[in-house]
PDB file of N, CA and C in Angstrom:
ATOM      1  N   MET A   1     102.494  83.185 118.265  1.00  0.00           N
ATOM      2  CA  MET A   1     101.805  84.455 118.219  1.00  0.00           C
ATOM      3  C   MET A   1     102.789  85.551 117.804  1.00  0.00           C
ATOM      4  N   THR A   2     102.377  86.362 116.893  1.00  0.00           N
ATOM      5  CA  THR A   2     103.200  87.463 116.421  1.00  0.00           C
ATOM      6  C   THR A   2     102.705  88.760 117.042  1.00  0.00           C
ATOM      7  N   ALA A   3     103.622  89.532 117.568  1.00  0.00           N
ATOM      8  CA  ALA A   3     103.258  90.809 118.172  1.00  0.00           C
ATOM      9  C   ALA A   3     103.077  91.855 117.079  1.00  0.00           C
ATOM     10  N   THR A   4     102.123  92.715 117.280  1.00  0.00           N
ATOM     11  CA  THR A   4     101.911  93.845 116.380  1.00  0.00           C
ATOM     12  C   THR A   4     102.255  95.118 117.127  1.00  0.00           C
ATOM     13  N   LYS A   5     102.290  96.230 116.401  1.00  0.00           N
ATOM     14  CA  LYS A   5     102.659  97.473 117.075  1.00  0.00           C
ATOM     15  C   LYS A   5     101.628  97.896 118.109  1.00  0.00           C
ATOM     16  N   THR A   6     100.388  97.431 117.982  1.00  0.00           N
ATOM     17  CA  THR A   6      99.384  97.765 118.993  1.00  0.00           C
ATOM     18  C   THR A   6      99.608  96.976 120.274  1.00  0.00           C
ATOM     19  N   ASP A   7     100.372  95.886 120.213  1.00  0.00           N
ATOM     20  CA  ASP A   7     100.692  95.109 121.410  1.00  0.00           C
ATOM     21  C   ASP A   7     101.821  95.743 122.220  1.00  0.00           C
ATOM     22  N   LEU A   8     102.549  96.662 121.631  1.00  0.00           N
ATOM     23  CA  LEU A   8     103.671  97.291 122.318  1.00  0.00           C
ATOM     24  C   LEU A   8     103.183  98.380 123.266  1.00  0.00           C
ATOM     25  N   SER A   9     103.941  98.587 124.315  1.00  0.00           N
ATOM     26  CA  SER A   9     103.618  99.677 125.231  1.00  0.00           C
ATOM     27  C   SER A   9     103.931 101.003 124.542  1.00  0.00           C
ATOM     28  N   PRO A  10     103.340 102.091 125.029  1.00  0.00           N
ATOM     29  CA  PRO A  10     103.649 103.394 124.420  1.00  0.00           C
ATOM     30  C   PRO A  10     105.143 103.729 124.464  1.00  0.00           C
ATOM     31  N   ILE A  11     105.816 103.347 125.527  1.00  0.00           N
ATOM     32  CA  ILE A  11     107.254 103.621 125.621  1.00  0.00           C
ATOM     33  C   ILE A  11     108.020 102.840 124.554  1.00  0.00           C
ATOM     34  N   ALA A  12     107.638 101.595 124.331  1.00  0.00           N
ATOM     35  CA  ALA A  12     108.307 100.783 123.311  1.00  0.00           C
ATOM     36  C   ALA A  12     108.065 101.353 121.920  1.00  0.00           C
ATOM     37  N   ARG A  13     106.848 101.834 121.667  1.00  0.00           N
ATOM     38  CA  ARG A  13     106.564 102.438 120.359  1.00  0.00           C
ATOM     39  C   ARG A  13     107.424 103.674 120.135  1.00  0.00           C
ATOM     40  N   VAL A  14     107.546 104.505 121.163  1.00  0.00           N
ATOM     41  CA  VAL A  14     108.378 105.709 121.050  1.00  0.00           C
ATOM     42  C   VAL A  14     109.842 105.318 120.847  1.00  0.00           C
ATOM     43  N   ALA A  15     110.299 104.303 121.566  1.00  0.00           N
ATOM     44  CA  ALA A  15     111.693 103.862 121.433  1.00  0.00           C
ATOM     45  C   ALA A  15     111.976 103.358 120.022  1.00  0.00           C
ATOM     46  N   PHE A  16     111.079 102.528 119.486  1.00  0.00           N
ATOM     47  CA  PHE A  16     111.278 102.033 118.118  1.00  0.00           C
ATOM     48  C   PHE A  16     111.230 103.174 117.112  1.00  0.00           C
ATOM     49  N   GLY A  17     110.342 104.120 117.325  1.00  0.00           N
ATOM     50  CA  GLY A  17     110.274 105.279 116.434  1.00  0.00           C
ATOM     51  C   GLY A  17     111.549 106.102 116.486  1.00  0.00           C
ATOM     52  N   ALA A  18     112.071 106.309 117.685  1.00  0.00           N
ATOM     53  CA  ALA A  18     113.302 107.085 117.842  1.00  0.00           C
ATOM     54  C   ALA A  18     114.484 106.373 117.191  1.00  0.00           C
ATOM     55  N   ILE A  19     114.561 105.066 117.361  1.00  0.00           N
ATOM     56  CA  ILE A  19     115.637 104.295 116.724  1.00  0.00           C
ATOM     57  C   ILE A  19     115.547 104.423 115.207  1.00  0.00           C
ATOM     58  N   GLY A  20     114.343 104.372 114.670  1.00  0.00           N
ATOM     59  CA  GLY A  20     114.157 104.523 113.228  1.00  0.00           C
ATOM     60  C   GLY A  20     114.591 105.890 112.737  1.00  0.00           C
ATOM     61  N   VAL A  21     114.243 106.929 113.489  1.00  0.00           N
ATOM     62  CA  VAL A  21     114.626 108.290 113.108  1.00  0.00           C
ATOM     63  C   VAL A  21     116.146 108.445 113.135  1.00  0.00           C
ATOM     64  N   VAL A  22     116.792 107.901 114.150  1.00  0.00           N
ATOM     65  CA  VAL A  22     118.255 107.988 114.246  1.00  0.00           C
ATOM     66  C   VAL A  22     118.909 107.252 113.084  1.00  0.00           C
ATOM     67  N   GLN A  23     118.384 106.088 112.723  1.00  0.00           N
ATOM     68  CA  GLN A  23     118.962 105.320 111.616  1.00  0.00           C
ATOM     69  C   GLN A  23     118.841 106.083 110.301  1.00  0.00           C
ATOM     70  N   VAL A  24     117.676 106.675 110.045  1.00  0.00           N
ATOM     71  CA  VAL A  24     117.481 107.449 108.816  1.00  0.00           C
ATOM     72  C   VAL A  24     118.395 108.673 108.819  1.00  0.00           C
ATOM     73  N   ALA A  25     118.532 109.329 109.961  1.00  0.00           N
ATOM     74  CA  ALA A  25     119.412 110.496 110.052  1.00  0.00           C
ATOM     75  C   ALA A  25     120.873 110.105 109.808  1.00  0.00           C
ATOM     76  N   PHE A  26     121.291 108.956 110.322  1.00  0.00           N
ATOM     77  CA  PHE A  26     122.654 108.453 110.116  1.00  0.00           C
ATOM     78  C   PHE A  26     122.917 108.222 108.630  1.00  0.00           C
ATOM     79  N   ALA A  27     121.956 107.602 107.942  1.00  0.00           N
ATOM     80  CA  ALA A  27     122.102 107.357 106.505  1.00  0.00           C
ATOM     81  C   ALA A  27     122.097 108.676 105.734  1.00  0.00           C
ATOM     82  N   PHE A  28     121.203 109.602 106.108  1.00  0.00           N
ATOM     83  CA  PHE A  28     121.156 110.905 105.441  1.00  0.00           C
ATOM     84  C   PHE A  28     122.489 111.632 105.603  1.00  0.00           C
ATOM     85  N   LEU A  29     123.049 111.599 106.807  1.00  0.00           N
ATOM     86  CA  LEU A  29     124.333 112.252 107.048  1.00  0.00           C
ATOM     87  C   LEU A  29     125.434 111.639 106.187  1.00  0.00           C
ATOM     88  N   ALA A  30     125.423 110.324 106.051  1.00  0.00           N
ATOM     89  CA  ALA A  30     126.424 109.657 105.209  1.00  0.00           C
ATOM     90  C   ALA A  30     126.258 110.062 103.744  1.00  0.00           C
ATOM     91  N   PHE A  31     125.006 110.108 103.252  1.00  0.00           N
ATOM     92  CA  PHE A  31     124.770 110.539 101.870  1.00  0.00           C
ATOM     93  C   PHE A  31     125.190 111.992 101.673  1.00  0.00           C
ATOM     94  N   TRP A  32     124.871 112.835 102.633  1.00  0.00           N
ATOM     95  CA  TRP A  32     125.236 114.247 102.527  1.00  0.00           C
ATOM     96  C   TRP A  32     126.756 114.385 102.478  1.00  0.00           C
ATOM     97  N   ASP A  33     127.440 113.680 103.371  1.00  0.00           N
ATOM     98  CA  ASP A  33     128.896 113.741 103.408  1.00  0.00           C
ATOM     99  C   ASP A  33     129.496 113.234 102.099  1.00  0.00           C
ATOM    100  N   LEU A  34     128.970 112.130 101.598  1.00  0.00           N
ATOM    101  CA  LEU A  34     129.468 111.566 100.344  1.00  0.00           C
ATOM    102  C   LEU A  34     129.286 112.542  99.188  1.00  0.00           C
ATOM    103  N   SER A  35     128.157 113.211  99.137  1.00  0.00           N
ATOM    104  CA  SER A  35     127.889 114.123  98.020  1.00  0.00           C
ATOM    105  C   SER A  35     128.721 115.401  98.097  1.00  0.00           C
ATOM    106  N   HIS A  36     129.158 115.794  99.285  1.00  0.00           N
ATOM    107  CA  HIS A  36     129.921 117.025  99.444  1.00  0.00           C
ATOM    108  C   HIS A  36     131.432 116.798  99.539  1.00  0.00           C
ATOM    109  N   ARG A  37     131.853 115.576  99.546  1.00  0.00           N
ATOM    110  CA  ARG A  37     133.281 115.259  99.677  1.00  0.00           C
ATOM    111  C   ARG A  37     133.897 115.102  98.287  1.00  0.00           C
ATOM    112  N   ASP A  38     135.144 115.568  98.117  1.00  0.00           N
ATOM    113  CA  ASP A  38     135.860 115.409  96.850  1.00  0.00           C
ATOM    114  C   ASP A  38     136.126 113.933  96.571  1.00  0.00           C
ATOM    115  N   GLU A  39     136.194 113.601  95.292  1.00  0.00           N
ATOM    116  CA  GLU A  39     136.455 112.215  94.867  1.00  0.00           C
ATOM    117  C   GLU A  39     137.764 111.682  95.458  1.00  0.00           C
ATOM    118  N   ASP A  40     138.762 112.555  95.589  1.00  0.00           N
ATOM    119  CA  ASP A  40     140.064 112.136  96.115  1.00  0.00           C
ATOM    120  C   ASP A  40     140.028 111.805  97.607  1.00  0.00           C
ATOM    121  N   ASP A  41     139.004 112.275  98.305  1.00  0.00           N
ATOM    122  CA  ASP A  41     138.902 112.040  99.746  1.00  0.00           C
ATOM    123  C   ASP A  41     138.109 110.788 100.095  1.00  0.00           C
ATOM    124  N   VAL A  42     137.627 110.072  99.075  1.00  0.00           N
ATOM    125  CA  VAL A  42     136.814 108.873  99.295  1.00  0.00           C
ATOM    126  C   VAL A  42     137.579 107.673  98.758  1.00  0.00           C
ATOM    127  N   ARG A  43     137.605 106.603  99.539  1.00  0.00           N
ATOM    128  CA  ARG A  43     138.238 105.360  99.078  1.00  0.00           C
ATOM    129  C   ARG A  43     137.289 104.662  98.116  1.00  0.00           C
ATOM    130  N   GLY A  44     137.749 104.423  96.919  1.00  0.00           N
ATOM    131  CA  GLY A  44     136.912 103.786  95.906  1.00  0.00           C
ATOM    132  C   GLY A  44     136.031 104.806  95.208  1.00  0.00           C
ATOM    133  N   PRO A  45     135.296 104.367  94.190  1.00  0.00           N
ATOM    134  CA  PRO A  45     134.413 105.287  93.472  1.00  0.00           C
ATOM    135  C   PRO A  45     133.210 105.674  94.330  1.00  0.00           C
ATOM    136  N   LYS A  46     132.860 106.947  94.272  1.00  0.00           N
ATOM    137  CA  LYS A  46     131.738 107.436  95.078  1.00  0.00           C
ATOM    138  C   LYS A  46     130.433 106.693  94.787  1.00  0.00           C
ATOM    139  N   PRO A  47     130.093 106.398  93.513  1.00  0.00           N
ATOM    140  CA  PRO A  47     128.834 105.678  93.267  1.00  0.00           C
ATOM    141  C   PRO A  47     128.777 104.297  93.920  1.00  0.00           C
ATOM    142  N   ALA A  48     129.918 103.682  94.163  1.00  0.00           N
ATOM    143  CA  ALA A  48     129.927 102.363  94.799  1.00  0.00           C
ATOM    144  C   ALA A  48     129.501 102.438  96.263  1.00  0.00           C
ATOM    145  N   TRP A  49     129.633 103.603  96.885  1.00  0.00           N
ATOM    146  CA  TRP A  49     129.256 103.743  98.286  1.00  0.00           C
ATOM    147  C   TRP A  49     127.752 103.916  98.479  1.00  0.00           C
ATOM    148  N   VAL A  50     127.031 104.292  97.436  1.00  0.00           N
ATOM    149  CA  VAL A  50     125.581 104.509  97.577  1.00  0.00           C
ATOM    150  C   VAL A  50     124.858 103.245  98.036  1.00  0.00           C
ATOM    151  N   PRO A  51     125.009 102.093  97.368  1.00  0.00           N
ATOM    152  CA  PRO A  51     124.302 100.904  97.872  1.00  0.00           C
ATOM    153  C   PRO A  51     124.816 100.440  99.234  1.00  0.00           C
ATOM    154  N   VAL A  52     126.078 100.715  99.529  1.00  0.00           N
ATOM    155  CA  VAL A  52     126.612 100.336 100.842  1.00  0.00           C
ATOM    156  C   VAL A  52     125.908 101.128 101.937  1.00  0.00           C
ATOM    157  N   ILE A  53     125.736 102.422 101.728  1.00  0.00           N
ATOM    158  CA  ILE A  53     125.097 103.275 102.731  1.00  0.00           C
ATOM    159  C   ILE A  53     123.646 102.867 102.957  1.00  0.00           C
ATOM    160  N   LEU A  54     123.015 102.269 101.960  1.00  0.00           N
ATOM    161  CA  LEU A  54     121.614 101.855 102.100  1.00  0.00           C
ATOM    162  C   LEU A  54     121.418 100.678 103.056  1.00  0.00           C
ATOM    163  N   VAL A  55     122.489  99.985 103.414  1.00  0.00           N
ATOM    164  CA  VAL A  55     122.381  98.871 104.363  1.00  0.00           C
ATOM    165  C   VAL A  55     122.245  99.473 105.764  1.00  0.00           C
ATOM    166  N   ASN A  56     121.134  99.195 106.419  1.00  0.00           N
ATOM    167  CA  ASN A  56     120.838  99.813 107.714  1.00  0.00           C
ATOM    168  C   ASN A  56     121.987  99.668 108.700  1.00  0.00           C
ATOM    169  N   TRP A  57     122.311 100.758 109.365  1.00  0.00           N
ATOM    170  CA  TRP A  57     123.320 100.879 110.405  1.00  0.00           C
ATOM    171  C   TRP A  57     124.723 100.512 109.923  1.00  0.00           C
ATOM    172  N   ILE A  58     124.887  99.355 109.333  1.00  0.00           N
ATOM    173  CA  ILE A  58     126.219  98.887 108.947  1.00  0.00           C
ATOM    174  C   ILE A  58     126.783  99.723 107.803  1.00  0.00           C
ATOM    175  N   GLY A  59     125.949 100.063 106.832  1.00  0.00           N
ATOM    176  CA  GLY A  59     126.415 100.805 105.667  1.00  0.00           C
ATOM    177  C   GLY A  59     126.972 102.178 106.000  1.00  0.00           C
ATOM    178  N   PRO A  60     126.191 103.030 106.690  1.00  0.00           N
ATOM    179  CA  PRO A  60     126.749 104.340 107.050  1.00  0.00           C
ATOM    180  C   PRO A  60     127.979 104.230 107.951  1.00  0.00           C
ATOM    181  N   ALA A  61     127.960 103.271 108.874  1.00  0.00           N
ATOM    182  CA  ALA A  61     129.126 103.088 109.748  1.00  0.00           C
ATOM    183  C   ALA A  61     130.345 102.679 108.927  1.00  0.00           C
ATOM    184  N   ALA A  62     130.158 101.778 107.967  1.00  0.00           N
ATOM    185  CA  ALA A  62     131.267 101.352 107.107  1.00  0.00           C
ATOM    186  C   ALA A  62     131.800 102.524 106.296  1.00  0.00           C
ATOM    187  N   TYR A  63     130.899 103.370 105.798  1.00  0.00           N
ATOM    188  CA  TYR A  63     131.339 104.535 105.026  1.00  0.00           C
ATOM    189  C   TYR A  63     132.200 105.452 105.893  1.00  0.00           C
ATOM    190  N   PHE A  64     131.721 105.769 107.096  1.00  0.00           N
ATOM    191  CA  PHE A  64     132.478 106.681 107.950  1.00  0.00           C
ATOM    192  C   PHE A  64     133.777 106.057 108.461  1.00  0.00           C
ATOM    193  N   LEU A  65     133.802 104.748 108.661  1.00  0.00           N
ATOM    194  CA  LEU A  65     135.015 104.096 109.165  1.00  0.00           C
ATOM    195  C   LEU A  65     136.028 103.780 108.070  1.00  0.00           C
ATOM    196  N   PHE A  66     135.548 103.328 106.904  1.00  0.00           N
ATOM    197  CA  PHE A  66     136.451 102.831 105.868  1.00  0.00           C
ATOM    198  C   PHE A  66     136.423 103.627 104.566  1.00  0.00           C
ATOM    199  N   GLY A  67     135.401 104.422 104.335  1.00  0.00           N
ATOM    200  CA  GLY A  67     135.249 105.084 103.050  1.00  0.00           C
ATOM    201  C   GLY A  67     135.909 106.438 102.933  1.00  0.00           C
ATOM    202  N   ILE A  68     136.251 107.032 104.054  1.00  0.00           N
ATOM    203  CA  ILE A  68     136.818 108.379 104.036  1.00  0.00           C
ATOM    204  C   ILE A  68     138.321 108.291 104.264  1.00  0.00           C
ATOM    205  N   ARG A  69     139.059 108.938 103.364  1.00  0.00           N
ATOM    206  CA  ARG A  69     140.517 109.014 103.548  1.00  0.00           C
ATOM    207  C   ARG A  69     140.803 110.081 104.597  1.00  0.00           C
ATOM    208  N   ARG A  70     141.676 109.750 105.501  1.00  0.00           N
ATOM    209  CA  ARG A  70     142.032 110.716 106.548  1.00  0.00           C
ATOM    210  C   ARG A  70     143.462 111.155 106.386  1.00  0.00           C
TER     211      ARG A  70
END
Protein backbone atom coordinates (compact mmCIF):
# COMPACT_ATOMS: atom_id res chain seq x y z
CA MET A 1 0.00 0.00 0.00
CA THR A 2 1.30 3.42 -0.93
CA ALA A 3 0.53 6.37 1.30
CA THR A 4 -0.83 9.53 -0.25
CA LYS A 5 -0.76 13.02 1.16
CA THR A 6 -4.37 12.62 2.30
CA ASP A 7 -3.23 9.71 4.50
CA LEU A 8 -0.84 11.97 6.40
CA SER A 9 -1.83 13.76 9.56
CA PRO A 10 -2.15 17.55 9.38
CA ILE A 11 1.06 17.91 11.40
CA ALA A 12 2.96 15.68 8.97
CA ARG A 13 1.65 17.66 5.99
CA VAL A 14 2.80 20.92 7.59
CA ALA A 15 6.19 19.38 8.42
CA PHE A 16 6.73 18.16 4.85
CA GLY A 17 5.65 21.55 3.52
CA ALA A 18 8.04 23.36 5.85
CA ILE A 19 10.92 21.08 4.87
CA GLY A 20 10.18 21.80 1.21
CA VAL A 21 10.13 25.55 1.80
CA VAL A 22 13.45 25.41 3.67
CA GLN A 23 15.06 23.36 0.88
CA VAL A 24 13.90 25.81 -1.81
CA ALA A 25 15.09 28.76 0.30
CA PHE A 26 18.50 27.08 0.78
CA ALA A 27 18.87 26.62 -2.99
CA PHE A 28 17.68 30.19 -3.67
CA LEU A 29 20.23 31.53 -1.18
CA ALA A 30 23.00 29.55 -2.88
CA PHE A 31 21.96 30.86 -6.33
CA TRP A 32 21.76 34.41 -5.00
CA ASP A 33 25.19 34.13 -3.40
CA LEU A 34 26.69 32.63 -6.56
CA SER A 35 25.28 35.40 -8.75
CA HIS A 36 26.54 38.18 -6.46
CA ARG A 37 30.00 36.75 -5.75
CA ASP A 38 33.06 37.68 -7.85
CA GLU A 39 34.49 34.99 -10.13
CA ASP A 40 37.74 35.05 -8.12
CA ASP A 41 35.88 34.16 -4.91
CA VAL A 42 34.39 30.94 -6.32
CA ARG A 43 36.31 27.69 -6.76
CA GLY A 44 35.90 26.61 -10.36
CA PRO A 45 33.77 28.27 -13.03
CA LYS A 46 30.55 29.80 -11.76
CA PRO A 47 28.36 28.12 -14.44
CA ALA A 48 29.56 24.71 -13.24
CA TRP A 49 28.00 25.34 -9.83
CA VAL A 50 24.48 25.85 -11.23
CA PRO A 51 23.69 22.14 -11.81
CA VAL A 52 25.39 21.27 -8.52
CA ILE A 53 23.12 23.64 -6.58
CA LEU A 54 20.08 22.01 -8.21
CA VAL A 55 20.77 18.76 -6.33
CA ASN A 56 18.45 18.90 -3.31
CA TRP A 57 20.15 19.69 0.01
CA ILE A 58 23.54 18.31 -1.05
CA GLY A 59 24.14 20.81 -3.85
CA PRO A 60 23.68 24.05 -1.89
CA ALA A 61 25.60 22.56 1.05
CA ALA A 62 28.46 21.57 -1.27
CA TYR A 63 28.51 25.08 -2.75
CA PHE A 64 28.71 26.75 0.66
CA LEU A 65 31.28 24.26 1.99
CA PHE A 66 33.53 23.78 -1.05
CA GLY A 67 32.63 26.38 -3.67
CA ILE A 68 33.48 29.58 -1.84
CA ARG A 69 37.08 30.67 -1.37
CA ARG A 70 37.69 31.93 2.13
